N, C-alpha and C. Protein backbone atom coordinates (compact mmCIF):
# COMPACT_ATOMS: atom_id res chain seq x y z
N MET A 1 109.55 3.92 189.25
CA MET A 1 109.94 5.12 188.54
C MET A 1 109.37 5.21 187.25
N LYS A 2 109.08 6.39 186.69
CA LYS A 2 108.44 6.51 185.28
C LYS A 2 109.45 7.29 184.47
N ILE A 3 110.12 6.62 183.33
CA ILE A 3 110.94 7.38 182.44
C ILE A 3 110.60 7.15 180.91
N VAL A 4 111.15 8.06 180.24
CA VAL A 4 110.83 7.92 178.73
C VAL A 4 112.19 7.50 178.18
N LEU A 5 112.05 6.45 177.52
CA LEU A 5 113.29 5.89 176.85
C LEU A 5 113.30 5.85 175.50
N PRO A 6 114.39 6.12 174.75
CA PRO A 6 114.36 6.02 173.35
C PRO A 6 114.41 4.51 172.87
N VAL A 7 114.11 4.27 171.62
CA VAL A 7 113.91 2.86 171.20
C VAL A 7 115.17 2.23 171.47
N GLY A 8 115.20 1.04 171.99
CA GLY A 8 116.37 0.12 172.17
C GLY A 8 116.16 -0.81 173.12
N ASN A 9 117.06 -1.69 173.48
CA ASN A 9 117.04 -2.75 174.33
C ASN A 9 117.53 -2.34 175.69
N TYR A 10 116.75 -2.66 176.82
CA TYR A 10 117.07 -2.37 178.04
C TYR A 10 116.92 -3.53 179.09
N THR A 11 117.64 -3.43 180.17
CA THR A 11 117.58 -4.53 181.32
C THR A 11 117.37 -3.79 182.63
N SER A 12 116.53 -4.42 183.42
CA SER A 12 116.15 -3.97 184.79
C SER A 12 116.66 -5.09 185.73
N GLN A 13 117.52 -4.68 186.78
CA GLN A 13 118.00 -5.68 187.62
C GLN A 13 117.69 -5.51 189.00
N ILE A 14 117.29 -6.45 189.75
CA ILE A 14 116.95 -6.41 190.88
C ILE A 14 118.02 -7.12 191.84
N THR A 15 118.67 -6.22 192.85
CA THR A 15 119.55 -7.01 193.77
C THR A 15 119.09 -6.77 195.12
N GLY A 16 119.88 -7.40 196.02
CA GLY A 16 119.58 -7.14 197.53
C GLY A 16 119.51 -5.70 197.92
N ALA A 17 118.63 -5.35 198.89
CA ALA A 17 118.56 -3.81 199.22
C ALA A 17 119.12 -3.81 200.60
N VAL A 18 119.52 -4.78 201.27
CA VAL A 18 120.20 -4.56 202.61
C VAL A 18 121.63 -4.31 202.39
N VAL A 19 122.06 -3.30 202.89
CA VAL A 19 123.55 -3.04 202.63
C VAL A 19 124.33 -3.18 204.06
N ASP A 20 125.35 -3.95 203.80
CA ASP A 20 126.15 -4.18 204.87
C ASP A 20 126.97 -2.99 205.21
N PRO A 21 126.96 -2.27 206.30
CA PRO A 21 127.58 -1.04 206.61
C PRO A 21 129.21 -1.19 206.61
N ILE A 22 129.62 -2.22 206.96
CA ILE A 22 131.20 -2.43 206.79
C ILE A 22 131.71 -2.73 205.60
N ALA A 23 130.93 -3.80 204.82
CA ALA A 23 131.58 -4.14 203.51
C ALA A 23 131.07 -3.16 202.30
N GLY A 24 129.91 -2.58 202.78
CA GLY A 24 129.30 -1.75 201.73
C GLY A 24 128.48 -2.42 200.64
N SER A 25 128.18 -3.62 200.74
CA SER A 25 127.63 -4.49 199.60
C SER A 25 126.19 -4.78 199.98
N ALA A 26 125.45 -5.18 198.97
CA ALA A 26 124.11 -5.74 199.34
C ALA A 26 124.19 -7.10 199.57
N THR A 27 123.40 -7.45 200.68
CA THR A 27 123.37 -8.76 201.17
C THR A 27 122.12 -9.48 201.25
N GLY A 28 120.80 -8.77 200.87
CA GLY A 28 119.57 -9.28 201.10
C GLY A 28 119.15 -10.29 199.88
N THR A 29 118.41 -11.32 200.29
CA THR A 29 118.04 -12.27 199.19
C THR A 29 116.38 -12.56 199.45
N GLY A 30 115.91 -13.23 198.41
CA GLY A 30 114.53 -13.40 198.55
C GLY A 30 113.78 -13.28 197.27
N VAL A 31 112.42 -13.38 197.36
CA VAL A 31 111.73 -13.26 196.07
C VAL A 31 111.45 -11.82 195.71
N ALA A 32 111.34 -11.40 194.59
CA ALA A 32 111.04 -9.96 194.25
C ALA A 32 110.29 -9.91 192.90
N LEU A 33 109.72 -8.75 192.73
CA LEU A 33 108.91 -8.66 191.60
C LEU A 33 109.33 -7.30 190.92
N ALA A 34 109.51 -7.48 189.52
CA ALA A 34 109.81 -6.25 188.76
C ALA A 34 108.63 -6.17 187.65
N GLU A 35 108.09 -4.94 187.62
CA GLU A 35 106.87 -4.70 186.78
C GLU A 35 107.46 -3.70 185.75
N ILE A 36 107.01 -3.97 184.56
CA ILE A 36 107.44 -3.09 183.51
C ILE A 36 106.28 -2.64 182.51
N TYR A 37 105.87 -1.48 182.35
CA TYR A 37 104.58 -1.21 181.62
C TYR A 37 105.07 -0.24 180.56
N ASP A 38 104.36 -0.58 179.38
CA ASP A 38 104.47 0.52 178.28
C ASP A 38 103.36 1.51 178.46
N ALA A 39 103.69 2.74 178.94
CA ALA A 39 102.80 3.75 179.19
C ALA A 39 102.41 4.73 178.11
N ASP A 40 102.79 4.42 176.90
CA ASP A 40 102.36 5.30 175.84
C ASP A 40 100.93 5.39 175.72
N THR A 41 100.37 6.64 175.46
CA THR A 41 99.10 6.81 175.01
C THR A 41 98.90 7.31 173.80
N GLY A 42 97.75 7.32 173.09
CA GLY A 42 97.63 7.91 171.84
C GLY A 42 98.23 6.90 170.68
N THR A 43 98.98 7.36 169.90
CA THR A 43 99.59 6.74 168.69
C THR A 43 101.03 6.59 169.18
N PRO A 44 101.42 5.57 169.75
CA PRO A 44 102.82 5.48 170.07
C PRO A 44 103.75 5.13 168.95
N SER A 45 104.93 5.57 169.00
CA SER A 45 105.81 5.44 167.94
C SER A 45 106.64 4.14 168.08
N ALA A 46 106.62 3.60 169.36
CA ALA A 46 107.38 2.45 169.61
C ALA A 46 106.52 1.62 170.80
N GLN A 47 106.62 0.44 170.97
CA GLN A 47 105.88 -0.27 171.88
C GLN A 47 106.67 -1.63 172.37
N LEU A 48 106.34 -1.95 173.53
CA LEU A 48 107.15 -3.01 174.21
C LEU A 48 106.83 -4.41 173.49
N VAL A 49 107.84 -5.04 173.11
CA VAL A 49 107.63 -6.11 172.18
C VAL A 49 108.11 -7.49 172.89
N ASN A 50 108.84 -7.46 173.92
CA ASN A 50 109.17 -8.62 174.49
C ASN A 50 109.55 -8.30 176.08
N ILE A 51 109.40 -9.39 176.81
CA ILE A 51 110.03 -9.37 178.31
C ILE A 51 110.78 -10.73 178.33
N SER A 52 111.64 -10.74 179.15
CA SER A 52 112.45 -11.93 179.58
C SER A 52 113.09 -11.69 180.87
N THR A 53 113.07 -12.96 181.59
CA THR A 53 113.67 -12.92 183.00
C THR A 53 114.41 -14.26 183.10
N ARG A 54 115.77 -14.05 183.57
CA ARG A 54 116.46 -15.11 184.08
C ARG A 54 116.66 -15.20 185.71
N ALA A 55 116.32 -16.37 186.20
CA ALA A 55 116.30 -16.36 187.68
C ALA A 55 116.26 -17.88 188.06
N PHE A 56 116.43 -18.03 189.40
CA PHE A 56 116.39 -19.36 189.87
C PHE A 56 115.09 -19.92 190.06
N VAL A 57 114.95 -21.08 189.46
CA VAL A 57 113.58 -21.64 189.71
C VAL A 57 113.55 -22.76 190.84
N GLY A 58 112.57 -22.36 191.76
CA GLY A 58 112.50 -23.42 192.83
C GLY A 58 111.28 -24.25 192.70
N THR A 59 110.60 -24.64 193.77
CA THR A 59 109.44 -25.38 193.66
C THR A 59 108.24 -24.78 194.36
N GLY A 60 107.10 -25.17 194.15
CA GLY A 60 106.01 -24.76 194.84
C GLY A 60 105.65 -23.29 194.43
N SER A 61 105.61 -22.42 195.45
CA SER A 61 105.36 -20.98 195.25
C SER A 61 106.69 -20.29 194.67
N ASN A 62 107.81 -20.93 194.56
CA ASN A 62 109.00 -20.42 193.93
C ASN A 62 109.38 -20.84 192.79
N VAL A 63 108.30 -21.12 191.80
CA VAL A 63 108.71 -21.30 190.41
C VAL A 63 108.84 -19.90 189.63
N LEU A 64 109.43 -19.83 188.59
CA LEU A 64 109.61 -18.58 187.79
C LEU A 64 108.27 -18.18 187.23
N ILE A 65 107.68 -16.97 187.46
CA ILE A 65 106.54 -16.66 186.99
C ILE A 65 106.79 -15.24 186.07
N ALA A 66 106.14 -15.06 184.98
CA ALA A 66 106.06 -13.85 184.29
C ALA A 66 104.56 -13.62 183.86
N GLY A 67 104.20 -12.35 184.04
CA GLY A 67 102.86 -12.01 183.67
C GLY A 67 102.77 -11.01 182.60
N PHE A 68 101.78 -11.15 181.56
CA PHE A 68 101.67 -10.05 180.62
C PHE A 68 100.31 -9.90 180.22
N VAL A 69 99.93 -8.71 179.74
CA VAL A 69 98.54 -8.27 179.25
C VAL A 69 98.32 -8.01 177.96
N ILE A 70 97.53 -8.54 177.15
CA ILE A 70 97.15 -8.07 175.82
C ILE A 70 95.99 -7.24 175.90
N GLU A 71 96.34 -5.98 175.33
CA GLU A 71 95.14 -4.81 175.57
C GLU A 71 94.55 -4.79 174.07
N GLY A 72 93.39 -4.03 174.12
CA GLY A 72 92.63 -3.79 173.05
C GLY A 72 91.62 -4.66 172.60
N SER A 73 91.27 -4.80 171.35
CA SER A 73 90.17 -5.70 170.92
C SER A 73 90.70 -6.72 169.84
N THR A 74 91.99 -6.72 169.60
CA THR A 74 92.48 -7.70 168.65
C THR A 74 93.39 -8.74 169.38
N SER A 75 93.19 -10.02 168.91
CA SER A 75 94.08 -11.06 169.36
C SER A 75 95.57 -10.72 168.97
N GLN A 76 96.51 -11.45 169.65
CA GLN A 76 97.89 -11.17 169.51
C GLN A 76 98.57 -12.52 169.59
N THR A 77 99.41 -12.96 168.68
CA THR A 77 100.21 -14.02 168.72
C THR A 77 101.33 -13.75 169.52
N VAL A 78 101.84 -14.63 170.47
CA VAL A 78 102.79 -14.47 171.27
C VAL A 78 103.79 -15.91 171.27
N LEU A 79 104.96 -15.61 171.26
CA LEU A 79 105.99 -16.68 171.46
C LEU A 79 106.42 -16.72 172.85
N ILE A 80 106.38 -17.93 173.57
CA ILE A 80 106.75 -17.96 175.01
C ILE A 80 107.80 -18.93 175.05
N ARG A 81 108.93 -18.73 175.64
CA ARG A 81 109.93 -19.81 175.67
C ARG A 81 110.49 -19.85 177.10
N ALA A 82 110.92 -21.13 177.30
CA ALA A 82 111.57 -21.31 178.60
C ALA A 82 112.96 -22.06 178.21
N ALA A 83 113.97 -21.31 178.33
CA ALA A 83 115.32 -21.73 177.93
C ALA A 83 116.17 -22.26 179.19
N ARG A 84 116.76 -23.33 178.86
CA ARG A 84 117.68 -23.97 179.93
C ARG A 84 118.89 -24.54 179.18
N PRO A 85 118.89 -25.63 178.45
CA PRO A 85 120.06 -26.06 177.85
C PRO A 85 120.85 -25.21 176.97
N THR A 86 120.04 -24.33 176.24
CA THR A 86 120.74 -23.31 175.41
C THR A 86 121.36 -22.16 176.10
N LEU A 87 121.28 -22.15 177.35
CA LEU A 87 121.94 -21.17 178.13
C LEU A 87 123.38 -21.60 178.56
N THR A 88 123.77 -22.86 178.22
CA THR A 88 125.15 -23.42 178.61
C THR A 88 126.26 -22.62 177.82
N PRO A 89 126.10 -22.30 176.52
CA PRO A 89 127.17 -21.55 175.88
C PRO A 89 127.46 -20.12 176.48
N PHE A 90 126.34 -19.68 177.13
CA PHE A 90 126.44 -18.23 177.83
C PHE A 90 127.13 -18.34 179.26
N GLY A 91 127.51 -19.61 179.65
CA GLY A 91 128.23 -19.67 180.97
C GLY A 91 127.24 -19.60 182.14
N VAL A 92 126.12 -19.75 181.99
CA VAL A 92 125.02 -19.59 183.22
C VAL A 92 125.35 -21.03 183.94
N PRO A 93 125.56 -20.79 185.23
CA PRO A 93 125.66 -21.98 186.08
C PRO A 93 124.40 -22.46 186.66
N ASN A 94 124.30 -23.71 187.19
CA ASN A 94 123.27 -24.35 188.04
C ASN A 94 121.94 -24.31 187.15
N LEU A 95 122.03 -24.91 186.04
CA LEU A 95 120.74 -24.79 185.08
C LEU A 95 119.76 -25.91 185.53
N LEU A 96 118.37 -25.20 185.45
CA LEU A 96 117.29 -26.23 185.63
C LEU A 96 117.25 -27.30 184.60
N ALA A 97 117.35 -28.58 185.04
CA ALA A 97 117.47 -29.83 184.26
C ALA A 97 116.24 -29.99 183.27
N ASP A 98 115.20 -29.82 183.70
CA ASP A 98 113.84 -30.18 182.95
C ASP A 98 112.80 -29.38 183.04
N PRO A 99 112.90 -28.10 182.35
CA PRO A 99 111.76 -27.19 182.46
C PRO A 99 110.37 -27.56 182.09
N GLN A 100 109.38 -27.18 182.71
CA GLN A 100 107.93 -27.20 182.21
C GLN A 100 107.41 -25.84 182.08
N LEU A 101 106.87 -25.68 180.96
CA LEU A 101 106.37 -24.30 180.72
C LEU A 101 104.90 -24.36 180.70
N GLN A 102 104.09 -23.52 181.48
CA GLN A 102 102.65 -23.56 181.58
C GLN A 102 102.17 -22.08 181.42
N LEU A 103 101.12 -21.96 180.57
CA LEU A 103 100.53 -20.73 180.33
C LEU A 103 98.98 -20.74 180.87
N PHE A 104 98.81 -19.64 181.81
CA PHE A 104 97.40 -19.73 182.31
C PHE A 104 96.70 -18.25 182.01
N ASP A 105 95.40 -18.22 181.85
CA ASP A 105 94.67 -17.17 181.63
C ASP A 105 94.50 -16.40 182.98
N GLY A 106 93.72 -15.23 182.77
CA GLY A 106 93.48 -14.40 184.10
C GLY A 106 92.80 -15.15 185.18
N ASN A 107 92.11 -16.32 184.81
CA ASN A 107 91.39 -16.92 185.89
C ASN A 107 92.14 -18.21 186.43
N MET A 108 93.45 -18.25 185.99
CA MET A 108 94.36 -19.26 186.29
C MET A 108 93.85 -20.62 185.78
N ASN A 109 93.13 -20.66 184.45
CA ASN A 109 93.02 -21.84 183.73
C ASN A 109 93.93 -22.10 182.86
N LEU A 110 94.47 -23.23 182.82
CA LEU A 110 95.63 -23.75 181.96
C LEU A 110 95.31 -23.63 180.52
N VAL A 111 95.94 -22.73 179.85
CA VAL A 111 95.67 -22.49 178.30
C VAL A 111 96.53 -23.35 177.54
N ALA A 112 97.85 -23.44 177.74
CA ALA A 112 98.80 -24.30 177.09
C ALA A 112 99.95 -24.78 177.87
N SER A 113 100.72 -25.66 177.47
CA SER A 113 101.78 -26.24 178.33
C SER A 113 102.88 -26.64 177.33
N SER A 114 104.10 -26.81 177.67
CA SER A 114 105.09 -27.43 176.86
C SER A 114 106.19 -27.97 177.67
N LEU A 115 106.61 -29.30 177.28
CA LEU A 115 107.81 -30.00 177.76
C LEU A 115 109.09 -29.96 177.07
N GLY A 116 108.86 -29.45 175.85
CA GLY A 116 109.93 -29.39 174.81
C GLY A 116 109.51 -28.76 173.41
N TRP A 117 110.25 -28.13 172.81
CA TRP A 117 109.96 -27.40 171.44
C TRP A 117 109.96 -28.36 170.47
N GLY A 118 110.69 -29.46 170.40
CA GLY A 118 110.75 -30.49 169.34
C GLY A 118 111.14 -30.02 168.05
N GLY A 119 111.77 -28.84 167.89
CA GLY A 119 112.24 -28.36 166.54
C GLY A 119 111.21 -28.08 165.58
N ASN A 120 110.06 -27.50 166.27
CA ASN A 120 108.92 -27.11 165.46
C ASN A 120 109.26 -25.90 164.58
N PRO A 121 109.18 -25.97 163.31
CA PRO A 121 109.60 -25.05 162.36
C PRO A 121 108.89 -23.64 162.61
N LEU A 122 107.58 -23.64 163.00
CA LEU A 122 106.77 -22.59 163.17
C LEU A 122 107.35 -21.76 164.44
N ILE A 123 107.75 -22.42 165.54
CA ILE A 123 108.59 -21.78 166.55
C ILE A 123 109.93 -21.16 166.05
N THR A 124 110.65 -21.84 165.26
CA THR A 124 111.96 -21.46 164.72
C THR A 124 111.81 -20.22 163.94
N ASN A 125 110.58 -20.17 163.06
CA ASN A 125 110.34 -19.02 162.27
C ASN A 125 109.86 -17.91 163.09
N ALA A 126 109.12 -18.01 164.15
CA ALA A 126 108.74 -17.01 165.03
C ALA A 126 109.79 -16.42 165.82
N ALA A 127 110.72 -17.13 166.19
CA ALA A 127 111.95 -16.73 167.03
C ALA A 127 112.85 -15.88 166.18
N ALA A 128 113.06 -16.27 164.97
CA ALA A 128 113.85 -15.45 163.87
C ALA A 128 113.12 -14.06 163.79
N ALA A 129 111.82 -14.16 163.55
CA ALA A 129 111.10 -12.91 163.09
C ALA A 129 111.09 -11.99 164.29
N VAL A 130 111.26 -12.36 165.70
CA VAL A 130 111.24 -11.38 166.78
C VAL A 130 112.67 -11.14 167.29
N GLY A 131 113.63 -11.80 166.74
CA GLY A 131 115.01 -11.54 167.03
C GLY A 131 115.65 -12.35 168.34
N ALA A 132 114.79 -13.41 168.66
CA ALA A 132 115.27 -14.22 169.72
C ALA A 132 116.48 -15.04 169.25
N PHE A 133 117.27 -15.34 170.38
CA PHE A 133 118.48 -16.22 169.86
C PHE A 133 117.95 -17.56 169.53
N SER A 134 118.78 -18.06 168.63
CA SER A 134 118.16 -19.45 168.06
C SER A 134 118.44 -20.65 169.02
N TRP A 135 117.68 -21.56 168.81
CA TRP A 135 117.79 -22.77 169.49
C TRP A 135 118.23 -23.90 168.39
N SER A 136 119.22 -24.65 168.52
CA SER A 136 119.72 -25.58 167.53
C SER A 136 119.43 -27.04 167.88
N ASN A 137 119.01 -27.48 169.09
CA ASN A 137 118.87 -28.88 169.50
C ASN A 137 117.38 -29.02 169.65
N PRO A 138 116.70 -29.67 168.59
CA PRO A 138 115.31 -29.95 168.68
C PRO A 138 114.90 -31.04 169.85
N SER A 139 115.94 -31.90 170.18
CA SER A 139 115.59 -32.84 171.26
C SER A 139 115.94 -32.33 172.63
N GLY A 140 116.42 -31.12 172.77
CA GLY A 140 116.77 -30.47 174.02
C GLY A 140 115.54 -30.29 174.91
N SER A 141 115.80 -29.92 176.14
CA SER A 141 114.51 -29.76 177.03
C SER A 141 114.00 -28.32 176.99
N ASP A 142 114.47 -27.43 176.20
CA ASP A 142 113.91 -26.13 176.07
C ASP A 142 112.50 -26.17 175.63
N ALA A 143 111.61 -25.37 176.26
CA ALA A 143 110.25 -25.48 176.03
C ALA A 143 109.76 -24.14 175.43
N ALA A 144 108.63 -24.36 174.46
CA ALA A 144 108.18 -23.09 173.78
C ALA A 144 106.70 -23.33 173.42
N ILE A 145 105.85 -22.17 173.45
CA ILE A 145 104.57 -22.14 173.08
C ILE A 145 104.44 -20.99 172.12
N LEU A 146 103.73 -21.39 170.99
CA LEU A 146 103.45 -20.15 170.00
C LEU A 146 101.92 -20.30 169.83
N ILE A 147 101.33 -19.15 170.27
CA ILE A 147 99.89 -19.12 170.40
C ILE A 147 99.26 -17.84 170.07
N THR A 148 98.00 -17.84 169.61
CA THR A 148 97.35 -16.60 169.35
C THR A 148 96.26 -16.42 170.61
N LEU A 149 96.45 -15.34 171.25
CA LEU A 149 95.44 -15.14 172.43
C LEU A 149 94.62 -13.96 172.30
N PRO A 150 93.40 -13.86 172.91
CA PRO A 150 92.54 -12.80 172.85
C PRO A 150 93.08 -11.86 173.98
N PRO A 151 92.57 -10.57 173.80
CA PRO A 151 92.90 -9.52 174.91
C PRO A 151 92.71 -10.15 176.32
N GLY A 152 93.44 -9.88 177.35
CA GLY A 152 93.35 -10.25 178.70
C GLY A 152 94.48 -10.44 179.30
N SER A 153 94.50 -10.92 180.51
CA SER A 153 95.81 -11.05 181.40
C SER A 153 96.23 -12.58 181.35
N TYR A 154 97.44 -12.78 181.41
CA TYR A 154 98.02 -14.11 181.42
C TYR A 154 99.19 -14.28 182.16
N THR A 155 99.57 -15.42 182.78
CA THR A 155 100.55 -15.80 183.50
C THR A 155 101.25 -16.94 183.01
N VAL A 156 102.63 -16.83 182.91
CA VAL A 156 103.39 -18.00 182.46
C VAL A 156 104.24 -18.54 183.70
N GLU A 157 104.24 -19.82 183.72
CA GLU A 157 105.11 -20.40 184.89
C GLU A 157 106.18 -21.33 184.32
N VAL A 158 107.44 -21.38 184.87
CA VAL A 158 108.39 -22.31 184.63
C VAL A 158 108.76 -23.02 185.80
N GLY A 159 108.77 -24.35 185.87
CA GLY A 159 108.98 -25.06 187.09
C GLY A 159 109.78 -26.33 186.55
N GLY A 160 110.41 -27.08 187.38
CA GLY A 160 111.11 -28.26 187.16
C GLY A 160 110.08 -29.47 186.88
N ARG A 161 110.03 -30.20 185.73
CA ARG A 161 109.15 -31.18 185.52
C ARG A 161 109.00 -32.18 186.58
N SER A 162 110.17 -32.62 187.01
CA SER A 162 110.38 -33.63 188.17
C SER A 162 110.65 -33.05 189.47
N GLY A 163 110.31 -31.97 189.74
CA GLY A 163 110.63 -31.21 190.88
C GLY A 163 111.92 -30.69 191.14
N ASP A 164 112.85 -30.74 190.15
CA ASP A 164 114.09 -30.20 190.03
C ASP A 164 114.16 -28.61 190.17
N THR A 165 115.25 -28.04 190.48
CA THR A 165 115.32 -26.72 190.61
C THR A 165 116.71 -26.18 190.02
N GLY A 166 116.80 -24.98 189.59
CA GLY A 166 118.01 -24.36 188.90
C GLY A 166 117.68 -23.15 188.23
N VAL A 167 118.40 -22.60 187.43
CA VAL A 167 118.40 -21.39 186.70
C VAL A 167 117.72 -21.58 185.37
N ALA A 168 116.88 -20.82 184.94
CA ALA A 168 116.16 -20.85 183.59
C ALA A 168 115.82 -19.44 183.15
N LEU A 169 115.58 -19.36 181.89
CA LEU A 169 115.14 -18.08 181.23
C LEU A 169 113.73 -18.13 180.73
N ILE A 170 112.89 -17.17 180.97
CA ILE A 170 111.53 -17.20 180.62
C ILE A 170 111.52 -16.00 179.59
N GLU A 171 110.94 -16.07 178.44
CA GLU A 171 110.76 -15.04 177.42
C GLU A 171 109.23 -15.01 176.81
N VAL A 172 108.75 -13.80 176.67
CA VAL A 172 107.44 -13.67 176.11
C VAL A 172 107.81 -12.62 175.01
N TYR A 173 107.34 -12.93 173.60
CA TYR A 173 107.43 -11.95 172.62
C TYR A 173 106.24 -11.89 171.96
N ALA A 174 105.86 -10.52 171.64
CA ALA A 174 104.77 -10.26 170.62
C ALA A 174 105.28 -10.65 169.31
N VAL A 175 104.59 -11.49 168.54
CA VAL A 175 104.96 -11.95 167.20
C VAL A 175 104.12 -11.13 166.21
N PRO A 176 104.92 -10.49 165.19
CA PRO A 176 104.22 -9.84 164.14
C PRO A 176 103.25 -10.75 163.39
N ALA A 177 102.11 -10.18 162.91
CA ALA A 177 101.13 -10.83 162.24
C ALA A 177 101.56 -11.62 161.11
N VAL A 178 102.46 -11.13 160.28
CA VAL A 178 102.97 -11.78 159.02
C VAL A 178 103.70 -13.10 159.39
N THR A 179 104.15 -13.41 160.52
CA THR A 179 104.89 -14.66 160.86
C THR A 179 103.99 -15.64 161.49
N SER A 180 102.76 -15.18 161.72
CA SER A 180 101.90 -16.27 162.43
C SER A 180 100.98 -16.98 161.50
N GLN A 181 101.17 -16.79 160.16
CA GLN A 181 100.32 -17.35 159.22
C GLN A 181 100.83 -18.74 158.56
């Protein structure tokens, strides 16, 4: 679908498409893909500044994957986060114990990876600048990458470092230039 939305926060949710004719409920399960594009042309008054997905992280081809594209001719600083322990206060069950965050370029070359954010003040400052919820435990297993990337296509993967599975949140934020210095 293509829709024009006013400035604000939005959620896209995918649910099972198979409807049980007796119960009237969705019963389908499996892997799904949601794609969201900022289709503004010319001089847009608003732009897409972050994406996030909470999902079950499996192993192999069932890891959590997010893709994004940096357009134009200017590099963009991005904050990429894989949240797991910080989801506990939100009541999210079955959390991924030990997330590993990996960033790949369009040729699937590993660009950066993270096993933990370690309380890095640059990550803390970037998260505050983009309005991300704060992380308070620097020794927790939440993982983050703060990096300036040239235009191109990128893929971020979250998997269990030791092959574990569970629910995680992946976030990608465009960081304003003033916070990346």
